[in-house]
Amino acid sequence: GDLLRLVRFEKRVLPESQQAAKKHGRPPDEAERFISVVIESN
């Protein structure tokens, strides 16, 4: 619990990747919601 407040999740993206996210026909699950808010960094 304490560790998760001390780390930063991030994922590598490229300039072209700054585009609209793919739309799904269903609500996102917990993993998709988590991934969607992870910091993006070039």
PDB file of all heavy atoms in Angstrom:
ATOM      1  N   GLY A   1       0.811  -1.216   0.000  1.00  0.00           N
ATOM      2  CA  GLY A   1       0.000   0.000   0.000  1.00  0.00           C
ATOM      3  C   GLY A   1       0.841   1.261   0.000  1.00  0.00           C
ATOM      4  O   GLY A   1       0.562   2.205  -0.751  1.00  0.00           O
ATOM      5  N   ASP A   2       1.911   1.284   0.813  1.00  0.00           N
ATOM      6  CA  ASP A   2       2.789   2.460   0.863  1.00  0.00           C
ATOM      7  C   ASP A   2       3.635   2.573  -0.394  1.00  0.00           C
ATOM      8  O   ASP A   2       3.856   3.665  -0.921  1.00  0.00           O
ATOM      9  CB  ASP A   2       3.703   2.382   2.093  1.00  0.00           C
ATOM     10  CG  ASP A   2       2.931   2.484   3.398  1.00  0.00           C
ATOM     11  OD1 ASP A   2       1.821   3.080   3.391  1.00  0.00           O
ATOM     12  OD2 ASP A   2       3.422   1.968   4.429  1.00  0.00           O
ATOM     13  N   LEU A   3       4.116   1.429  -0.899  1.00  0.00           N
ATOM     14  CA  LEU A   3       4.982   1.453  -2.081  1.00  0.00           C
ATOM     15  C   LEU A   3       4.255   2.012  -3.293  1.00  0.00           C
ATOM     16  O   LEU A   3       4.825   2.794  -4.064  1.00  0.00           O
ATOM     17  CB  LEU A   3       5.479   0.034  -2.381  1.00  0.00           C
ATOM     18  CG  LEU A   3       6.289  -0.121  -3.672  1.00  0.00           C
ATOM     19  CD1 LEU A   3       7.578   0.688  -3.599  1.00  0.00           C
ATOM     20  CD2 LEU A   3       6.580  -1.581  -3.954  1.00  0.00           C
ATOM     21  N   LEU A   4       3.003   1.611  -3.489  1.00  0.00           N
ATOM     22  CA  LEU A   4       2.261   2.046  -4.676  1.00  0.00           C
ATOM     23  C   LEU A   4       2.051   3.556  -4.707  1.00  0.00           C
ATOM     24  O   LEU A   4       1.796   4.125  -5.771  1.00  0.00           O
ATOM     25  CB  LEU A   4       0.914   1.319  -4.738  1.00  0.00           C
ATOM     26  CG  LEU A   4       1.010  -0.188  -5.043  1.00  0.00           C
ATOM     27  CD1 LEU A   4      -0.326  -0.863  -4.865  1.00  0.00           C
ATOM     28  CD2 LEU A   4       1.548  -0.414  -6.449  1.00  0.00           C
ATOM     29  N   ARG A   5       2.190   4.207  -3.567  1.00  0.00           N
ATOM     30  CA  ARG A   5       2.096   5.672  -3.532  1.00  0.00           C
ATOM     31  C   ARG A   5       3.446   6.333  -3.827  1.00  0.00           C
ATOM     32  O   ARG A   5       3.520   7.554  -3.996  1.00  0.00           O
ATOM     33  CB  ARG A   5       1.591   6.139  -2.167  1.00  0.00           C
ATOM     34  CG  ARG A   5       0.121   5.794  -1.915  1.00  0.00           C
ATOM     35  CD  ARG A   5      -0.396   6.500  -0.668  1.00  0.00           C
ATOM     36  NE  ARG A   5       0.130   5.873   0.548  1.00  0.00           N
ATOM     37  CZ  ARG A   5      -0.464   4.875   1.194  1.00  0.00           C
ATOM     38  NH1 ARG A   5      -1.616   4.381   0.741  1.00  0.00           N
ATOM     39  NH2 ARG A   5       0.068   4.366   2.285  1.00  0.00           N
ATOM     40  N   LEU A   6       4.502   5.522  -3.910  1.00  0.00           N
ATOM     41  CA  LEU A   6       5.856   6.066  -4.104  1.00  0.00           C
ATOM     42  C   LEU A   6       6.420   5.816  -5.498  1.00  0.00           C
ATOM     43  O   LEU A   6       7.555   6.193  -5.776  1.00  0.00           O
ATOM     44  CB  LEU A   6       6.819   5.446  -3.076  1.00  0.00           C
ATOM     45  CG  LEU A   6       6.593   5.786  -1.605  1.00  0.00           C
ATOM     46  CD1 LEU A   6       7.598   5.044  -0.737  1.00  0.00           C
ATOM     47  CD2 LEU A   6       6.716   7.294  -1.365  1.00  0.00           C
ATOM     48  N   VAL A   7       5.645   5.172  -6.379  1.00  0.00           N
ATOM     49  CA  VAL A   7       6.169   4.841  -7.709  1.00  0.00           C
ATOM     50  C   VAL A   7       5.358   5.550  -8.789  1.00  0.00           C
ATOM     51  O   VAL A   7       4.207   5.924  -8.581  1.00  0.00           O
ATOM     52  CB  VAL A   7       6.161   3.316  -7.965  1.00  0.00           C
ATOM     53  CG1 VAL A   7       7.060   2.597  -6.978  1.00  0.00           C
ATOM     54  CG2 VAL A   7       4.741   2.766  -7.905  1.00  0.00           C
ATOM     55  N   ARG A   8       5.991   5.722  -9.942  1.00  0.00           N
ATOM     56  CA  ARG A   8       5.352   6.352 -11.097  1.00  0.00           C
ATOM     57  C   ARG A   8       5.295   5.338 -12.239  1.00  0.00           C
ATOM     58  O   ARG A   8       6.324   4.861 -12.697  1.00  0.00           O
ATOM     59  CB  ARG A   8       6.142   7.590 -11.538  1.00  0.00           C
ATOM     60  CG  ARG A   8       5.550   8.275 -12.777  1.00  0.00           C
ATOM     61  CD  ARG A   8       6.330   9.528 -13.187  1.00  0.00           C
ATOM     62  NE  ARG A   8       7.675   9.221 -13.652  1.00  0.00           N
ATOM     63  CZ  ARG A   8       8.768   9.586 -13.016  1.00  0.00           C
ATOM     64  NH1 ARG A   8       8.691  10.238 -11.876  1.00  0.00           N
ATOM     65  NH2 ARG A   8       9.968   9.285 -13.506  1.00  0.00           N
ATOM     66  N   PHE A   9       4.099   5.021 -12.679  1.00  0.00           N
ATOM     67  CA  PHE A   9       3.927   4.157 -13.847  1.00  0.00           C
ATOM     68  C   PHE A   9       4.009   5.029 -15.105  1.00  0.00           C
ATOM     69  O   PHE A   9       3.482   6.143 -15.137  1.00  0.00           O
ATOM     70  CB  PHE A   9       2.560   3.457 -13.804  1.00  0.00           C
ATOM     71  CG  PHE A   9       2.412   2.474 -12.680  1.00  0.00           C
ATOM     72  CD1 PHE A   9       1.930   2.874 -11.447  1.00  0.00           C
ATOM     73  CD2 PHE A   9       2.755   1.145 -12.863  1.00  0.00           C
ATOM     74  CE1 PHE A   9       1.780   1.963 -10.411  1.00  0.00           C
ATOM     75  CE2 PHE A   9       2.616   0.218 -11.833  1.00  0.00           C
ATOM     76  CZ  PHE A   9       2.128   0.630 -10.604  1.00  0.00           C
ATOM     77  N   GLU A  10       4.682   4.533 -16.124  1.00  0.00           N
ATOM     78  CA  GLU A  10       4.752   5.287 -17.383  1.00  0.00           C
ATOM     79  C   GLU A  10       4.896   4.339 -18.562  1.00  0.00           C
ATOM     80  O   GLU A  10       5.262   3.174 -18.397  1.00  0.00           O
ATOM     81  CB  GLU A  10       5.908   6.293 -17.376  1.00  0.00           C
ATOM     82  CG  GLU A  10       7.284   5.675 -17.297  1.00  0.00           C
ATOM     83  CD  GLU A  10       8.391   6.727 -17.328  1.00  0.00           C
ATOM     84  OE1 GLU A  10       8.155   7.864 -16.890  1.00  0.00           O
ATOM     85  OE2 GLU A  10       9.480   6.387 -17.798  1.00  0.00           O
ATOM     86  N   LYS A  11       4.586   4.843 -19.727  1.00  0.00           N
ATOM     87  CA  LYS A  11       4.733   4.049 -20.946  1.00  0.00           C
ATOM     88  C   LYS A  11       5.309   4.944 -22.031  1.00  0.00           C
ATOM     89  O   LYS A  11       5.022   6.138 -22.093  1.00  0.00           O
ATOM     90  CB  LYS A  11       3.395   3.458 -21.394  1.00  0.00           C
ATOM     91  CG  LYS A  11       2.286   4.482 -21.593  1.00  0.00           C
ATOM     92  CD  LYS A  11       0.961   3.799 -21.871  1.00  0.00           C
ATOM     93  CE  LYS A  11      -0.173   4.821 -21.963  1.00  0.00           C
ATOM     94  NZ  LYS A  11      -1.485   4.202 -22.159  1.00  0.00           N
ATOM     95  N   ARG A  12       6.158   4.353 -22.858  1.00  0.00           N
ATOM     96  CA  ARG A  12       6.809   5.103 -23.935  1.00  0.00           C
ATOM     97  C   ARG A  12       5.832   5.282 -25.091  1.00  0.00           C
ATOM     98  O   ARG A  12       5.196   4.337 -25.546  1.00  0.00           O
ATOM     99  CB  ARG A  12       8.046   4.362 -24.422  1.00  0.00           C
ATOM    100  CG  ARG A  12       8.832   5.098 -25.505  1.00  0.00           C
ATOM    101  CD  ARG A  12      10.131   4.375 -25.801  1.00  0.00           C
ATOM    102  NE  ARG A  12      10.876   5.008 -26.863  1.00  0.00           N
ATOM    103  CZ  ARG A  12      11.632   6.087 -26.731  1.00  0.00           C
ATOM    104  NH1 ARG A  12      11.708   6.671 -25.546  1.00  0.00           N
ATOM    105  NH2 ARG A  12      12.295   6.599 -27.734  1.00  0.00           N
ATOM    106  N   VAL A  13       5.704   6.514 -25.555  1.00  0.00           N
ATOM    107  CA  VAL A  13       4.876   6.808 -26.723  1.00  0.00           C
ATOM    108  C   VAL A  13       5.693   7.630 -27.694  1.00  0.00           C
ATOM    109  O   VAL A  13       6.729   8.189 -27.358  1.00  0.00           O
ATOM    110  CB  VAL A  13       3.587   7.585 -26.344  1.00  0.00           C
ATOM    111  CG1 VAL A  13       2.693   6.763 -25.443  1.00  0.00           C
ATOM    112  CG2 VAL A  13       3.935   8.912 -25.684  1.00  0.00           C
ATOM    113  N   LEU A  14       5.217   7.728 -28.939  1.00  0.00           N
ATOM    114  CA  LEU A  14       5.870   8.505 -29.978  1.00  0.00           C
ATOM    115  C   LEU A  14       4.954   9.651 -30.389  1.00  0.00           C
ATOM    116  O   LEU A  14       3.749   9.613 -30.119  1.00  0.00           O
ATOM    117  CB  LEU A  14       6.197   7.612 -31.171  1.00  0.00           C
ATOM    118  CG  LEU A  14       7.104   6.423 -30.831  1.00  0.00           C
ATOM    119  CD1 LEU A  14       7.266   5.521 -32.036  1.00  0.00           C
ATOM    120  CD2 LEU A  14       8.453   6.890 -30.327  1.00  0.00           C
ATOM    121  N   PRO A  15       5.486  10.702 -31.026  1.00  0.00           N
ATOM    122  CA  PRO A  15       4.659  11.858 -31.380  1.00  0.00           C
ATOM    123  C   PRO A  15       3.388  11.506 -32.138  1.00  0.00           C
ATOM    124  O   PRO A  15       2.331  12.058 -31.881  1.00  0.00           O
ATOM    125  CB  PRO A  15       5.602  12.703 -32.251  1.00  0.00           C
ATOM    126  CG  PRO A  15       6.960  12.351 -31.778  1.00  0.00           C
ATOM    127  CD  PRO A  15       6.900  10.896 -31.405  1.00  0.00           C
ATOM    128  N   GLU A  16       3.483  10.541 -33.045  1.00  0.00           N
ATOM    129  CA  GLU A  16       2.316  10.184 -33.851  1.00  0.00           C
ATOM    130  C   GLU A  16       1.234   9.503 -33.026  1.00  0.00           C
ATOM    131  O   GLU A  16       0.088   9.411 -33.434  1.00  0.00           O
ATOM    132  CB  GLU A  16       2.730   9.255 -34.985  1.00  0.00           C
ATOM    133  CG  GLU A  16       3.282   7.949 -34.436  1.00  0.00           C
ATOM    134  CD  GLU A  16       3.333   6.860 -35.484  1.00  0.00           C
ATOM    135  OE1 GLU A  16       2.425   6.750 -36.298  1.00  0.00           O
ATOM    136  OE2 GLU A  16       4.318   6.126 -35.457  1.00  0.00           O
ATOM    137  N   SER A  17       1.614   8.983 -31.829  1.00  0.00           N
ATOM    138  CA  SER A  17       0.676   8.225 -31.022  1.00  0.00           C
ATOM    139  C   SER A  17      -0.320   9.108 -30.287  1.00  0.00           C
ATOM    140  O   SER A  17      -1.234   8.617 -29.653  1.00  0.00           O
ATOM    141  CB  SER A  17       1.438   7.377 -29.992  1.00  0.00           C
ATOM    142  OG  SER A  17       2.319   6.500 -30.651  1.00  0.00           O
ATOM    143  N   GLN A  18      -0.103  10.413 -30.333  1.00  0.00           N
ATOM    144  CA  GLN A  18      -1.008  11.322 -29.646  1.00  0.00           C
ATOM    145  C   GLN A  18      -2.256  11.510 -30.504  1.00  0.00           C
ATOM    146  O   GLN A  18      -2.466  12.528 -31.148  1.00  0.00           O
ATOM    147  CB  GLN A  18      -0.310  12.659 -29.376  1.00  0.00           C
ATOM    148  CG  GLN A  18       0.894  12.496 -28.466  1.00  0.00           C
ATOM    149  CD  GLN A  18       1.720  13.767 -28.371  1.00  0.00           C
ATOM    150  OE1 GLN A  18       1.469  14.741 -29.062  1.00  0.00           O
ATOM    151  NE2 GLN A  18       2.698  13.765 -27.487  1.00  0.00           N
ATOM    152  N   GLN A  19      -3.060  10.494 -30.516  1.00  0.00           N
ATOM    153  CA  GLN A  19      -4.265  10.480 -31.328  1.00  0.00           C
ATOM    154  C   GLN A  19      -5.405   9.937 -30.487  1.00  0.00           C
ATOM    155  O   GLN A  19      -5.205   9.444 -29.386  1.00  0.00           O
ATOM    156  CB  GLN A  19      -4.074   9.609 -32.575  1.00  0.00           C
ATOM    157  CG  GLN A  19      -3.578   8.207 -32.250  1.00  0.00           C
ATOM    158  CD  GLN A  19      -3.259   7.421 -33.499  1.00  0.00           C
ATOM    159  OE1 GLN A  19      -3.816   7.656 -34.546  1.00  0.00           O
ATOM    160  NE2 GLN A  19      -2.379   6.444 -33.373  1.00  0.00           N
ATOM    161  N   ALA A  20      -6.603  10.030 -30.992  1.00  0.00           N
ATOM    162  CA  ALA A  20      -7.757   9.574 -30.235  1.00  0.00           C
ATOM    163  C   ALA A  20      -7.652   8.086 -29.947  1.00  0.00           C
ATOM    164  O   ALA A  20      -7.212   7.303 -30.776  1.00  0.00           O
ATOM    165  CB  ALA A  20      -9.029   9.856 -31.030  1.00  0.00           C
ATOM    166  N   ALA A  21      -8.039   7.703 -28.733  1.00  0.00           N
ATOM    167  CA  ALA A  21      -7.994   6.302 -28.341  1.00  0.00           C
ATOM    168  C   ALA A  21      -9.062   5.514 -29.092  1.00  0.00           C
ATOM    169  O   ALA A  21     -10.076   6.055 -29.520  1.00  0.00           O
ATOM    170  CB  ALA A  21      -8.216   6.176 -26.830  1.00  0.00           C
ATOM    171  N   LYS A  22      -8.796   4.226 -29.242  1.00  0.00           N
ATOM    172  CA  LYS A  22      -9.752   3.378 -29.929  1.00  0.00           C
ATOM    173  C   LYS A  22     -11.038   3.282 -29.103  1.00  0.00           C
ATOM    174  O   LYS A  22     -11.008   3.171 -27.885  1.00  0.00           O
ATOM    175  CB  LYS A  22      -9.168   1.978 -30.128  1.00  0.00           C
ATOM    176  CG  LYS A  22      -7.959   1.949 -31.063  1.00  0.00           C
ATOM    177  CD  LYS A  22      -7.451   0.529 -31.223  1.00  0.00           C
ATOM    178  CE  LYS A  22      -6.254   0.490 -32.166  1.00  0.00           C
ATOM    179  NZ  LYS A  22      -5.707  -0.876 -32.307  1.00  0.00           N
ATOM    180  N   LYS A  23     -12.152   3.298 -29.784  1.00  0.00           N
ATOM    181  CA  LYS A  23     -13.433   3.202 -29.103  1.00  0.00           C
ATOM    182  C   LYS A  23     -13.893   1.752 -29.070  1.00  0.00           C
ATOM    183  O   LYS A  23     -13.775   1.020 -30.033  1.00  0.00           O
ATOM    184  CB  LYS A  23     -14.469   4.074 -29.820  1.00  0.00           C
ATOM    185  CG  LYS A  23     -14.154   5.569 -29.742  1.00  0.00           C
ATOM    186  CD  LYS A  23     -15.257   6.386 -30.387  1.00  0.00           C
ATOM    187  CE  LYS A  23     -14.953   7.874 -30.269  1.00  0.00           C
ATOM    188  NZ  LYS A  23     -16.025   8.702 -30.885  1.00  0.00           N
ATOM    189  N   HIS A  24     -14.405   1.359 -27.915  1.00  0.00           N
ATOM    190  CA  HIS A  24     -14.897   0.006 -27.746  1.00  0.00           C
ATOM    191  C   HIS A  24     -16.414   0.037 -27.640  1.00  0.00           C
ATOM    192  O   HIS A  24     -17.011   1.021 -27.235  1.00  0.00           O
ATOM    193  CB  HIS A  24     -14.304  -0.629 -26.475  1.00  0.00           C
ATOM    194  CG  HIS A  24     -12.802  -0.701 -26.500  1.00  0.00           C
ATOM    195  ND1 HIS A  24     -12.111  -1.705 -27.130  1.00  0.00           N
ATOM    196  CD2 HIS A  24     -11.861   0.121 -25.971  1.00  0.00           C
ATOM    197  CE1 HIS A  24     -10.818  -1.515 -26.990  1.00  0.00           C
ATOM    198  NE2 HIS A  24     -10.637  -0.417 -26.278  1.00  0.00           N
ATOM    199  N   GLY A  25     -17.013  -1.070 -27.947  1.00  0.00           N
ATOM    200  CA  GLY A  25     -18.448  -1.155 -27.830  1.00  0.00           C
ATOM    201  C   GLY A  25     -18.898  -1.539 -26.431  1.00  0.00           C
ATOM    202  O   GLY A  25     -20.074  -1.772 -26.194  1.00  0.00           O
ATOM    203  N   ARG A  26     -17.961  -1.628 -25.474  1.00  0.00           N
ATOM    204  CA  ARG A  26     -18.284  -1.996 -24.100  1.00  0.00           C
ATOM    205  C   ARG A  26     -17.511  -1.087 -23.148  1.00  0.00           C
ATOM    206  O   ARG A  26     -16.497  -0.493 -23.517  1.00  0.00           O
ATOM    207  CB  ARG A  26     -17.886  -3.456 -23.842  1.00  0.00           C
ATOM    208  CG  ARG A  26     -16.436  -3.722 -24.244  1.00  0.00           C
ATOM    209  CD  ARG A  26     -15.957  -5.090 -23.835  1.00  0.00           C
ATOM    210  NE  ARG A  26     -14.598  -5.343 -24.320  1.00  0.00           N
ATOM    211  CZ  ARG A  26     -13.507  -4.790 -23.812  1.00  0.00           C
ATOM    212  NH1 ARG A  26     -13.625  -3.905 -22.824  1.00  0.00           N
ATOM    213  NH2 ARG A  26     -12.317  -5.076 -24.295  1.00  0.00           N
ATOM    214  N   PRO A  27     -17.938  -0.959 -21.916  1.00  0.00           N
ATOM    215  CA  PRO A  27     -17.202  -0.142 -20.943  1.00  0.00           C
ATOM    216  C   PRO A  27     -15.821  -0.743 -20.686  1.00  0.00           C
ATOM    217  O   PRO A  27     -15.658  -1.963 -20.695  1.00  0.00           O
ATOM    218  CB  PRO A  27     -18.080  -0.211 -19.686  1.00  0.00           C
ATOM    219  CG  PRO A  27     -19.411  -0.660 -20.165  1.00  0.00           C
ATOM    220  CD  PRO A  27     -19.173  -1.524 -21.357  1.00  0.00           C
ATOM    221  N   PRO A  28     -14.785   0.076 -20.462  1.00  0.00           N
ATOM    222  CA  PRO A  28     -13.448  -0.457 -20.196  1.00  0.00           C
ATOM    223  C   PRO A  28     -13.408  -1.190 -18.860  1.00  0.00           C
ATOM    224  O   PRO A  28     -14.103  -0.809 -17.911  1.00  0.00           O
ATOM    225  CB  PRO A  28     -12.570   0.799 -20.176  1.00  0.00           C
ATOM    226  CG  PRO A  28     -13.502   1.910 -19.823  1.00  0.00           C
ATOM    227  CD  PRO A  28     -14.820   1.547 -20.442  1.00  0.00           C
ATOM    228  N   ASP A  29     -12.603  -2.260 -18.779  1.00  0.00           N
ATOM    229  CA  ASP A  29     -12.458  -2.960 -17.506  1.00  0.00           C
ATOM    230  C   ASP A  29     -11.426  -2.259 -16.647  1.00  0.00           C
ATOM    231  O   ASP A  29     -10.868  -1.225 -17.039  1.00  0.00           O
ATOM    232  CB  ASP A  29     -12.108  -4.440 -17.727  1.00  0.00           C
ATOM    233  CG  ASP A  29     -10.763  -4.631 -18.426  1.00  0.00           C
ATOM    234  OD1 ASP A  29      -9.936  -3.697 -18.404  1.00  0.00           O
ATOM    235  OD2 ASP A  29     -10.536  -5.714 -19.001  1.00  0.00           O
ATOM    236  N   GLU A  30     -11.132  -2.815 -15.464  1.00  0.00           N
ATOM    237  CA  GLU A  30     -10.262  -2.140 -14.504  1.00  0.00           C
ATOM    238  C   GLU A  30      -8.843  -1.955 -15.050  1.00  0.00           C
ATOM    239  O   GLU A  30      -8.201  -0.909 -14.811  1.00  0.00           O
ATOM    240  CB  GLU A  30     -10.221  -2.933 -13.196  1.00  0.00           C
ATOM    241  CG  GLU A  30      -9.799  -4.397 -13.376  1.00  0.00           C
ATOM    242  CD  GLU A  30      -9.835  -5.182 -12.078  1.00  0.00           C
ATOM    243  OE1 GLU A  30     -10.047  -4.556 -11.017  1.00  0.00           O
ATOM    244  OE2 GLU A  30      -9.636  -6.403 -12.115  1.00  0.00           O
ATOM    245  N   ALA A  31      -8.336  -2.943 -15.799  1.00  0.00           N
ATOM    246  CA  ALA A  31      -6.989  -2.829 -16.361  1.00  0.00           C
ATOM    247  C   ALA A  31      -6.937  -1.746 -17.432  1.00  0.00           C
ATOM    248  O   ALA A  31      -5.972  -0.966 -17.509  1.00  0.00           O
ATOM    249  CB  ALA A  31      -6.524  -4.168 -16.939  1.00  0.00           C
ATOM    250  N   GLU A  32      -7.951  -1.672 -18.274  1.00  0.00           N
ATOM    251  CA  GLU A  32      -8.004  -0.647 -19.323  1.00  0.00           C
ATOM    252  C   GLU A  32      -8.089   0.752 -18.712  1.00  0.00           C
ATOM    253  O   GLU A  32      -7.464   1.690 -19.198  1.00  0.00           O
ATOM    254  CB  GLU A  32      -9.192  -0.906 -20.248  1.00  0.00           C
ATOM    255  CG  GLU A  32      -9.007  -2.130 -21.146  1.00  0.00           C
ATOM    256  CD  GLU A  32     -10.281  -2.505 -21.877  1.00  0.00           C
ATOM    257  OE1 GLU A  32     -11.378  -2.125 -21.414  1.00  0.00           O
ATOM    258  OE2 GLU A  32     -10.189  -3.185 -22.924  1.00  0.00           O
ATOM    259  N   ARG A  33      -8.868   0.879 -17.649  1.00  0.00           N
ATOM    260  CA  ARG A  33      -8.960   2.191 -16.977  1.00  0.00           C
ATOM    261  C   ARG A  33      -7.622   2.579 -16.384  1.00  0.00           C
ATOM    262  O   ARG A  33      -7.214   3.739 -16.449  1.00  0.00           O
ATOM    263  CB  ARG A  33     -10.038   2.147 -15.888  1.00  0.00           C
ATOM    264  CG  ARG A  33     -11.469   2.124 -16.426  1.00  0.00           C
ATOM    265  CD  ARG A  33     -12.467   2.442 -15.328  1.00  0.00           C
ATOM    266  NE  ARG A  33     -12.456   1.432 -14.271  1.00  0.00           N
ATOM    267  CZ  ARG A  33     -13.202   0.336 -14.276  1.00  0.00           C
ATOM    268  NH1 ARG A  33     -14.030   0.110 -15.289  1.00  0.00           N
ATOM    269  NH2 ARG A  33     -13.140  -0.526 -13.280  1.00  0.00           N
ATOM    270  N   PHE A  34      -6.916   1.595 -15.802  1.00  0.00           N
ATOM    271  CA  PHE A  34      -5.606   1.880 -15.217  1.00  0.00           C
ATOM    272  C   PHE A  34      -4.614   2.312 -16.299  1.00  0.00           C
ATOM    273  O   PHE A  34      -3.912   3.312 -16.162  1.00  0.00           O
ATOM    274  CB  PHE A  34      -5.078   0.641 -14.486  1.00  0.00           C
ATOM    275  CG  PHE A  34      -3.641   0.755 -14.066  1.00  0.00           C
ATOM    276  CD1 PHE A  34      -3.280   1.550 -12.981  1.00  0.00           C
ATOM    277  CD2 PHE A  34      -2.634   0.101 -14.765  1.00  0.00           C
ATOM    278  CE1 PHE A  34      -1.949   1.675 -12.604  1.00  0.00           C
ATOM    279  CE2 PHE A  34      -1.316   0.213 -14.395  1.00  0.00           C
ATOM    280  CZ  PHE A  34      -0.972   1.002 -13.300  1.00  0.00           C
ATOM    281  N   ILE A  35      -4.558   1.560 -17.400  1.00  0.00           N
ATOM    282  CA  ILE A  35      -3.622   1.862 -18.484  1.00  0.00           C
ATOM    283  C   ILE A  35      -3.905   3.240 -19.077  1.00  0.00           C
ATOM    284  O   ILE A  35      -2.984   3.976 -19.448  1.00  0.00           O
ATOM    285  CB  ILE A  35      -3.698   0.774 -19.573  1.00  0.00           C
ATOM    286  CG1 ILE A  35      -3.159  -0.556 -19.024  1.00  0.00           C
ATOM    287  CG2 ILE A  35      -2.918   1.173 -20.822  1.00  0.00           C
ATOM    288  CD1 ILE A  35      -3.354  -1.736 -19.962  1.00  0.00           C
ATOM    289  N   SER A  36      -5.176   3.624 -19.137  1.00  0.00           N
ATOM    290  CA  SER A  36      -5.546   4.900 -19.768  1.00  0.00           C
ATOM    291  C   SER A  36      -5.024   6.111 -19.011  1.00  0.00           C
ATOM    292  O   SER A  36      -4.894   7.188 -19.583  1.00  0.00           O
ATOM    293  CB  SER A  36      -7.069   4.998 -19.910  1.00  0.00           C
ATOM    294  OG  SER A  36      -7.686   5.129 -18.639  1.00  0.00           O
ATOM    295  N   VAL A  37      -4.728   5.958 -17.715  1.00  0.00           N
ATOM    296  CA  VAL A  37      -4.258   7.109 -16.928  1.00  0.00           C
ATOM    297  C   VAL A  37      -2.759   7.042 -16.641  1.00  0.00           C
ATOM    298  O   VAL A  37      -2.219   7.894 -15.949  1.00  0.00           O
ATOM    299  CB  VAL A  37      -5.041   7.230 -15.595  1.00  0.00           C
ATOM    300  CG1 VAL A  37      -6.514   7.468 -15.862  1.00  0.00           C
ATOM    301  CG2 VAL A  37      -4.847   5.990 -14.722  1.00  0.00           C
ATOM    302  N   VAL A  38      -2.080   6.001 -17.165  1.00  0.00           N
ATOM    303  CA  VAL A  38      -0.631   5.903 -16.968  1.00  0.00           C
ATOM    304  C   VAL A  38       0.063   7.028 -17.731  1.00  0.00           C
ATOM    305  O   VAL A  38      -0.319   7.384 -18.845  1.00  0.00           O
ATOM    306  CB  VAL A  38      -0.122   4.522 -17.451  1.00  0.00           C
ATOM    307  CG1 VAL A  38       1.401   4.498 -17.531  1.00  0.00           C
ATOM    308  CG2 VAL A  38      -0.606   3.428 -16.513  1.00  0.00           C
ATOM    309  N   ILE A  39       1.082   7.595 -17.127  1.00  0.00           N
ATOM    310  CA  ILE A  39       1.823   8.711 -17.728  1.00  0.00           C
ATOM    311  C   ILE A  39       2.445   8.267 -19.048  1.00  0.00           C
ATOM    312  O   ILE A  39       3.085   7.216 -19.134  1.00  0.00           O
ATOM    313  CB  ILE A  39       2.926   9.208 -16.771  1.00  0.00           C
ATOM    314  CG1 ILE A  39       2.303   9.768 -15.480  1.00  0.00           C
ATOM    315  CG2 ILE A  39       3.802  10.261 -17.443  1.00  0.00           C
ATOM    316  CD1 ILE A  39       3.320  10.075 -14.405  1.00  0.00           C
ATOM    317  N   GLU A  40       2.272   9.088 -20.089  1.00  0.00           N
ATOM    318  CA  GLU A  40       2.882   8.824 -21.386  1.00  0.00           C
ATOM    319  C   GLU A  40       4.100   9.718 -21.558  1.00  0.00           C
ATOM    320  O   GLU A  40       4.048  10.910 -21.263  1.00  0.00           O
ATOM    321  CB  GLU A  40       1.882   9.076 -22.515  1.00  0.00           C
ATOM    322  CG  GLU A  40       0.676   8.150 -22.456  1.00  0.00           C
ATOM    323  CD  GLU A  40      -0.267   8.363 -23.617  1.00  0.00           C
ATOM    324  OE1 GLU A  40      -0.207   9.448 -24.245  1.00  0.00           O
ATOM    325  OE2 GLU A  40      -1.064   7.455 -23.886  1.00  0.00           O
ATOM    326  N   SER A  41       5.193   9.138 -22.040  1.00  0.00           N
ATOM    327  CA  SER A  41       6.436   9.896 -22.162  1.00  0.00           C
ATOM    328  C   SER A  41       7.166   9.514 -23.438  1.00  0.00           C
ATOM    329  O   SER A  41       7.357   8.322 -23.724  1.00  0.00           O
ATOM    330  CB  SER A  41       7.339   9.622 -20.949  1.00  0.00           C
ATOM    331  OG  SER A  41       8.624  10.155 -21.150  1.00  0.00           O
ATOM    332  N   ASN A  42       7.596  10.528 -24.188  1.00  0.00           N
ATOM    333  CA  ASN A  42       8.398  10.274 -25.386  1.00  0.00           C
ATOM    334  C   ASN A  42       9.836   9.947 -25.020  1.00  0.00           C
ATOM    335  O   ASN A  42      10.578   9.365 -25.793  1.00  0.00           O
ATOM    336  CB  ASN A  42       8.360  11.498 -26.304  1.00  0.00           C
ATOM    337  CG  ASN A  42       9.053  11.241 -27.628  1.00  0.00           C
ATOM    338  OD1 ASN A  42       8.969  10.155 -28.179  1.00  0.00           O
ATOM    339  ND2 ASN A  42       9.749  12.232 -28.133  1.00  0.00           N
TER     340      ASN A  42
END
